[in-house]
Amino acid sequence: MLNRFLEQVVEWLTENYAPPVEALEPANFKHWRDTVMEGPTNYIDYLIGAGVLE
């Protein structure tokens, strides 16, 4: 049941946001995140960068 739900979430995410394949491959995600993504890696760091938290 959980696997089917996860498959549906991935399908919806792909249809609506068309992320790069690397974003959905667990083995490649960390490399993709570290080399492509810029900015904070979590919500707390985002809030600090936005000046909401100190």
PDB file of N, CA and C in Angstrom:
ATOM      1  N   MET A   1       0.813  -1.185   0.000  1.00  0.00           N
ATOM      2  CA  MET A   1       0.000   0.000   0.000  1.00  0.00           C
ATOM      3  C   MET A   1       0.862   1.257   0.000  1.00  0.00           C
ATOM      4  N   LEU A   2       1.893   1.284   0.837  1.00  0.00           N
ATOM      5  CA  LEU A   2       2.775   2.444   0.886  1.00  0.00           C
ATOM      6  C   LEU A   2       3.539   2.598  -0.417  1.00  0.00           C
ATOM      7  N   ASN A   3       4.004   1.488  -0.989  1.00  0.00           N
ATOM      8  CA  ASN A   3       4.714   1.566  -2.258  1.00  0.00           C
ATOM      9  C   ASN A   3       3.838   2.157  -3.355  1.00  0.00           C
ATOM     10  N   ARG A   4       2.593   1.766  -3.415  1.00  0.00           N
ATOM     11  CA  ARG A   4       1.677   2.303  -4.425  1.00  0.00           C
ATOM     12  C   ARG A   4       1.483   3.803  -4.222  1.00  0.00           C
ATOM     13  N   PHE A   5       1.350   4.226  -2.967  1.00  0.00           N
ATOM     14  CA  PHE A   5       1.204   5.648  -2.665  1.00  0.00           C
ATOM     15  C   PHE A   5       2.436   6.424  -3.122  1.00  0.00           C
ATOM     16  N   LEU A   6       3.609   5.901  -2.821  1.00  0.00           N
ATOM     17  CA  LEU A   6       4.847   6.566  -3.237  1.00  0.00           C
ATOM     18  C   LEU A   6       4.950   6.640  -4.755  1.00  0.00           C
ATOM     19  N   GLU A   7       4.531   5.592  -5.432  1.00  0.00           N
ATOM     20  CA  GLU A   7       4.529   5.611  -6.898  1.00  0.00           C
ATOM     21  C   GLU A   7       3.603   6.709  -7.413  1.00  0.00           C
ATOM     22  N   GLN A   8       2.453   6.868  -6.782  1.00  0.00           N
ATOM     23  CA  GLN A   8       1.508   7.911  -7.197  1.00  0.00           C
ATOM     24  C   GLN A   8       2.081   9.304  -6.930  1.00  0.00           C
ATOM     25  N   VAL A   9       2.772   9.472  -5.805  1.00  0.00           N
ATOM     26  CA  VAL A   9       3.386  10.762  -5.493  1.00  0.00           C
ATOM     27  C   VAL A   9       4.462  11.097  -6.517  1.00  0.00           C
ATOM     28  N   VAL A  10       5.309  10.141  -6.847  1.00  0.00           N
ATOM     29  CA  VAL A  10       6.365  10.365  -7.833  1.00  0.00           C
ATOM     30  C   VAL A  10       5.753  10.669  -9.197  1.00  0.00           C
ATOM     31  N   GLU A  11       4.706   9.953  -9.556  1.00  0.00           N
ATOM     32  CA  GLU A  11       4.024  10.202 -10.835  1.00  0.00           C
ATOM     33  C   GLU A  11       3.452  11.616 -10.875  1.00  0.00           C
ATOM     34  N   TRP A  12       2.789  12.037  -9.796  1.00  0.00           N
ATOM     35  CA  TRP A  12       2.219  13.380  -9.729  1.00  0.00           C
ATOM     36  C   TRP A  12       3.318  14.434  -9.792  1.00  0.00           C
ATOM     37  N   LEU A  13       4.383  14.222  -9.042  1.00  0.00           N
ATOM     38  CA  LEU A  13       5.501  15.163  -9.022  1.00  0.00           C
ATOM     39  C   LEU A  13       6.108  15.313 -10.409  1.00  0.00           C
ATOM     40  N   THR A  14       6.295  14.204 -11.094  1.00  0.00           N
ATOM     41  CA  THR A  14       6.872  14.231 -12.437  1.00  0.00           C
ATOM     42  C   THR A  14       5.961  14.954 -13.417  1.00  0.00           C
ATOM     43  N   GLU A  15       4.671  14.672 -13.351  1.00  0.00           N
ATOM     44  CA  GLU A  15       3.720  15.312 -14.265  1.00  0.00           C
ATOM     45  C   GLU A  15       3.603  16.816 -14.023  1.00  0.00           C
ATOM     46  N   ASN A  16       3.647  17.229 -12.767  1.00  0.00           N
ATOM     47  CA  ASN A  16       3.398  18.630 -12.443  1.00  0.00           C
ATOM     48  C   ASN A  16       4.644  19.505 -12.393  1.00  0.00           C
ATOM     49  N   TYR A  17       5.797  18.929 -12.081  1.00  0.00           N
ATOM     50  CA  TYR A  17       6.992  19.739 -11.906  1.00  0.00           C
ATOM     51  C   TYR A  17       8.140  19.360 -12.821  1.00  0.00           C
ATOM     52  N   ALA A  18       8.074  18.209 -13.461  1.00  0.00           N
ATOM     53  CA  ALA A  18       9.108  17.733 -14.382  1.00  0.00           C
ATOM     54  C   ALA A  18      10.518  17.939 -13.823  1.00  0.00           C
ATOM     55  N   PRO A  19      10.807  17.366 -12.642  1.00  0.00           N
ATOM     56  CA  PRO A  19      12.149  17.531 -12.085  1.00  0.00           C
ATOM     57  C   PRO A  19      13.170  16.746 -12.907  1.00  0.00           C
ATOM     58  N   PRO A  20      14.433  17.137 -12.822  1.00  0.00           N
ATOM     59  CA  PRO A  20      15.455  16.346 -13.511  1.00  0.00           C
ATOM     60  C   PRO A  20      15.466  14.918 -12.970  1.00  0.00           C
ATOM     61  N   VAL A  21      15.835  13.987 -13.793  1.00  0.00           N
ATOM     62  CA  VAL A  21      15.861  12.574 -13.395  1.00  0.00           C
ATOM     63  C   VAL A  21      16.718  12.386 -12.151  1.00  0.00           C
ATOM     64  N   GLU A  22      17.810  13.134 -12.060  1.00  0.00           N
ATOM     65  CA  GLU A  22      18.714  13.005 -10.913  1.00  0.00           C
ATOM     66  C   GLU A  22      18.011  13.287  -9.586  1.00  0.00           C
ATOM     67  N   ALA A  23      17.000  14.131  -9.615  1.00  0.00           N
ATOM     68  CA  ALA A  23      16.300  14.487  -8.385  1.00  0.00           C
ATOM     69  C   ALA A  23      15.484  13.325  -7.833  1.00  0.00           C
ATOM     70  N   LEU A  24      15.128  12.390  -8.691  1.00  0.00           N
ATOM     71  CA  LEU A  24      14.303  11.257  -8.262  1.00  0.00           C
ATOM     72  C   LEU A  24      15.098   9.970  -8.080  1.00  0.00           C
ATOM     73  N   GLU A  25      16.373   9.985  -8.405  1.00  0.00           N
ATOM     74  CA  GLU A  25      17.226   8.808  -8.241  1.00  0.00           C
ATOM     75  C   GLU A  25      17.990   8.940  -6.929  1.00  0.00           C
ATOM     76  N   PRO A  26      17.667   8.148  -5.916  1.00  0.00           N
ATOM     77  CA  PRO A  26      18.333   8.286  -4.617  1.00  0.00           C
ATOM     78  C   PRO A  26      19.860   8.227  -4.701  1.00  0.00           C
ATOM     79  N   ALA A  27      20.399   7.384  -5.562  1.00  0.00           N
ATOM     80  CA  ALA A  27      21.850   7.257  -5.648  1.00  0.00           C
ATOM     81  C   ALA A  27      22.504   8.521  -6.193  1.00  0.00           C
ATOM     82  N   ASN A  28      21.797   9.248  -7.046  1.00  0.00           N
ATOM     83  CA  ASN A  28      22.357  10.449  -7.658  1.00  0.00           C
ATOM     84  C   ASN A  28      21.895  11.736  -6.987  1.00  0.00           C
ATOM     85  N   PHE A  29      20.914  11.655  -6.103  1.00  0.00           N
ATOM     86  CA  PHE A  29      20.324  12.862  -5.540  1.00  0.00           C
ATOM     87  C   PHE A  29      21.333  13.733  -4.810  1.00  0.00           C
ATOM     88  N   LYS A  30      22.157  13.133  -3.953  1.00  0.00           N
ATOM     89  CA  LYS A  30      23.097  13.931  -3.167  1.00  0.00           C
ATOM     90  C   LYS A  30      24.050  14.689  -4.076  1.00  0.00           C
ATOM     91  N   HIS A  31      24.579  14.024  -5.093  1.00  0.00           N
ATOM     92  CA  HIS A  31      25.488  14.706  -6.023  1.00  0.00           C
ATOM     93  C   HIS A  31      24.751  15.829  -6.741  1.00  0.00           C
ATOM     94  N   TRP A  32      23.550  15.566  -7.214  1.00  0.00           N
ATOM     95  CA  TRP A  32      22.753  16.583  -7.902  1.00  0.00           C
ATOM     96  C   TRP A  32      22.477  17.770  -6.974  1.00  0.00           C
ATOM     97  N   ARG A  33      22.079  17.463  -5.739  1.00  0.00           N
ATOM     98  CA  ARG A  33      21.773  18.516  -4.767  1.00  0.00           C
ATOM     99  C   ARG A  33      22.989  19.378  -4.477  1.00  0.00           C
ATOM    100  N   ASP A  34      24.135  18.729  -4.308  1.00  0.00           N
ATOM    101  CA  ASP A  34      25.351  19.462  -3.941  1.00  0.00           C
ATOM    102  C   ASP A  34      25.931  20.261  -5.100  1.00  0.00           C
ATOM    103  N   THR A  35      25.676  19.860  -6.336  1.00  0.00           N
ATOM    104  CA  THR A  35      26.282  20.553  -7.467  1.00  0.00           C
ATOM    105  C   THR A  35      25.325  21.464  -8.220  1.00  0.00           C
ATOM    106  N   VAL A  36      24.027  21.180  -8.183  1.00  0.00           N
ATOM    107  CA  VAL A  36      23.074  21.959  -8.968  1.00  0.00           C
ATOM    108  C   VAL A  36      22.297  22.944  -8.105  1.00  0.00           C
ATOM    109  N   MET A  37      21.822  22.478  -6.990  1.00  0.00           N
ATOM    110  CA  MET A  37      20.997  23.326  -6.132  1.00  0.00           C
ATOM    111  C   MET A  37      21.854  24.396  -5.463  1.00  0.00           C
ATOM    112  N   GLU A  38      21.315  25.591  -5.387  1.00  0.00           N
ATOM    113  CA  GLU A  38      21.982  26.669  -4.683  1.00  0.00           C
ATOM    114  C   GLU A  38      21.092  27.114  -3.542  1.00  0.00           C
ATOM    115  N   GLY A  39      21.700  27.648  -2.517  1.00  0.00           N
ATOM    116  CA  GLY A  39      20.918  28.150  -1.396  1.00  0.00           C
ATOM    117  C   GLY A  39      20.833  27.150  -0.264  1.00  0.00           C
ATOM    118  N   PRO A  40      19.959  27.426   0.687  1.00  0.00           N
ATOM    119  CA  PRO A  40      19.844  26.581   1.873  1.00  0.00           C
ATOM    120  C   PRO A  40      19.356  25.176   1.531  1.00  0.00           C
ATOM    121  N   THR A  41      19.789  24.224   2.336  1.00  0.00           N
ATOM    122  CA  THR A  41      19.409  22.832   2.098  1.00  0.00           C
ATOM    123  C   THR A  41      18.268  22.372   2.992  1.00  0.00           C
ATOM    124  N   ASN A  42      17.827  23.236   3.916  1.00  0.00           N
ATOM    125  CA  ASN A  42      16.689  22.863   4.752  1.00  0.00           C
ATOM    126  C   ASN A  42      15.886  24.107   5.112  1.00  0.00           C
ATOM    127  N   TYR A  43      14.720  23.904   5.676  1.00  0.00           N
ATOM    128  CA  TYR A  43      13.794  25.001   5.931  1.00  0.00           C
ATOM    129  C   TYR A  43      14.325  25.974   6.980  1.00  0.00           C
ATOM    130  N   ILE A  44      14.989  25.471   8.001  1.00  0.00           N
ATOM    131  CA  ILE A  44      15.535  26.346   9.040  1.00  0.00           C
ATOM    132  C   ILE A  44      16.580  27.285   8.443  1.00  0.00           C
ATOM    133  N   ASP A  45      17.489  26.759   7.633  1.00  0.00           N
ATOM    134  CA  ASP A  45      18.487  27.608   6.984  1.00  0.00           C
ATOM    135  C   ASP A  45      17.832  28.616   6.042  1.00  0.00           C
ATOM    136  N   TYR A  46      16.750  28.213   5.398  1.00  0.00           N
ATOM    137  CA  TYR A  46      16.005  29.127   4.538  1.00  0.00           C
ATOM    138  C   TYR A  46      15.444  30.292   5.362  1.00  0.00           C
ATOM    139  N   LEU A  47      14.851  29.989   6.498  1.00  0.00           N
ATOM    140  CA  LEU A  47      14.284  31.037   7.355  1.00  0.00           C
ATOM    141  C   LEU A  47      15.366  31.966   7.891  1.00  0.00           C
ATOM    142  N   ILE A  48      16.520  31.417   8.223  1.00  0.00           N
ATOM    143  CA  ILE A  48      17.632  32.255   8.673  1.00  0.00           C
ATOM    144  C   ILE A  48      18.091  33.170   7.540  1.00  0.00           C
ATOM    145  N   GLY A  49      18.234  32.615   6.339  1.00  0.00           N
ATOM    146  CA  GLY A  49      18.638  33.406   5.190  1.00  0.00           C
ATOM    147  C   GLY A  49      17.617  34.459   4.816  1.00  0.00           C
ATOM    148  N   ALA A  50      16.349  34.189   5.043  1.00  0.00           N
ATOM    149  CA  ALA A  50      15.286  35.134   4.733  1.00  0.00           C
ATOM    150  C   ALA A  50      15.134  36.192   5.815  1.00  0.00           C
ATOM    151  N   GLY A  51      15.846  36.036   6.938  1.00  0.00           N
ATOM    152  CA  GLY A  51      15.785  37.007   8.009  1.00  0.00           C
ATOM    153  C   GLY A  51      14.645  36.806   8.987  1.00  0.00           C
ATOM    154  N   VAL A  52      13.909  35.699   8.836  1.00  0.00           N
ATOM    155  CA  VAL A  52      12.802  35.424   9.743  1.00  0.00           C
ATOM    156  C   VAL A  52      13.330  34.952  11.096  1.00  0.00           C
ATOM    157  N   LEU A  53      14.393  34.154  11.070  1.00  0.00           N
ATOM    158  CA  LEU A  53      15.038  33.663  12.300  1.00  0.00           C
ATOM    159  C   LEU A  53      16.442  34.236  12.387  1.00  0.00           C
ATOM    160  N   GLU A  54      16.920  34.353  13.588  1.00  0.00           N
ATOM    161  CA  GLU A  54      18.294  34.808  13.802  1.00  0.00           C
ATOM    162  C   GLU A  54      19.099  33.744  14.488  1.00  0.00           C
TER     163      GLU A  54
END
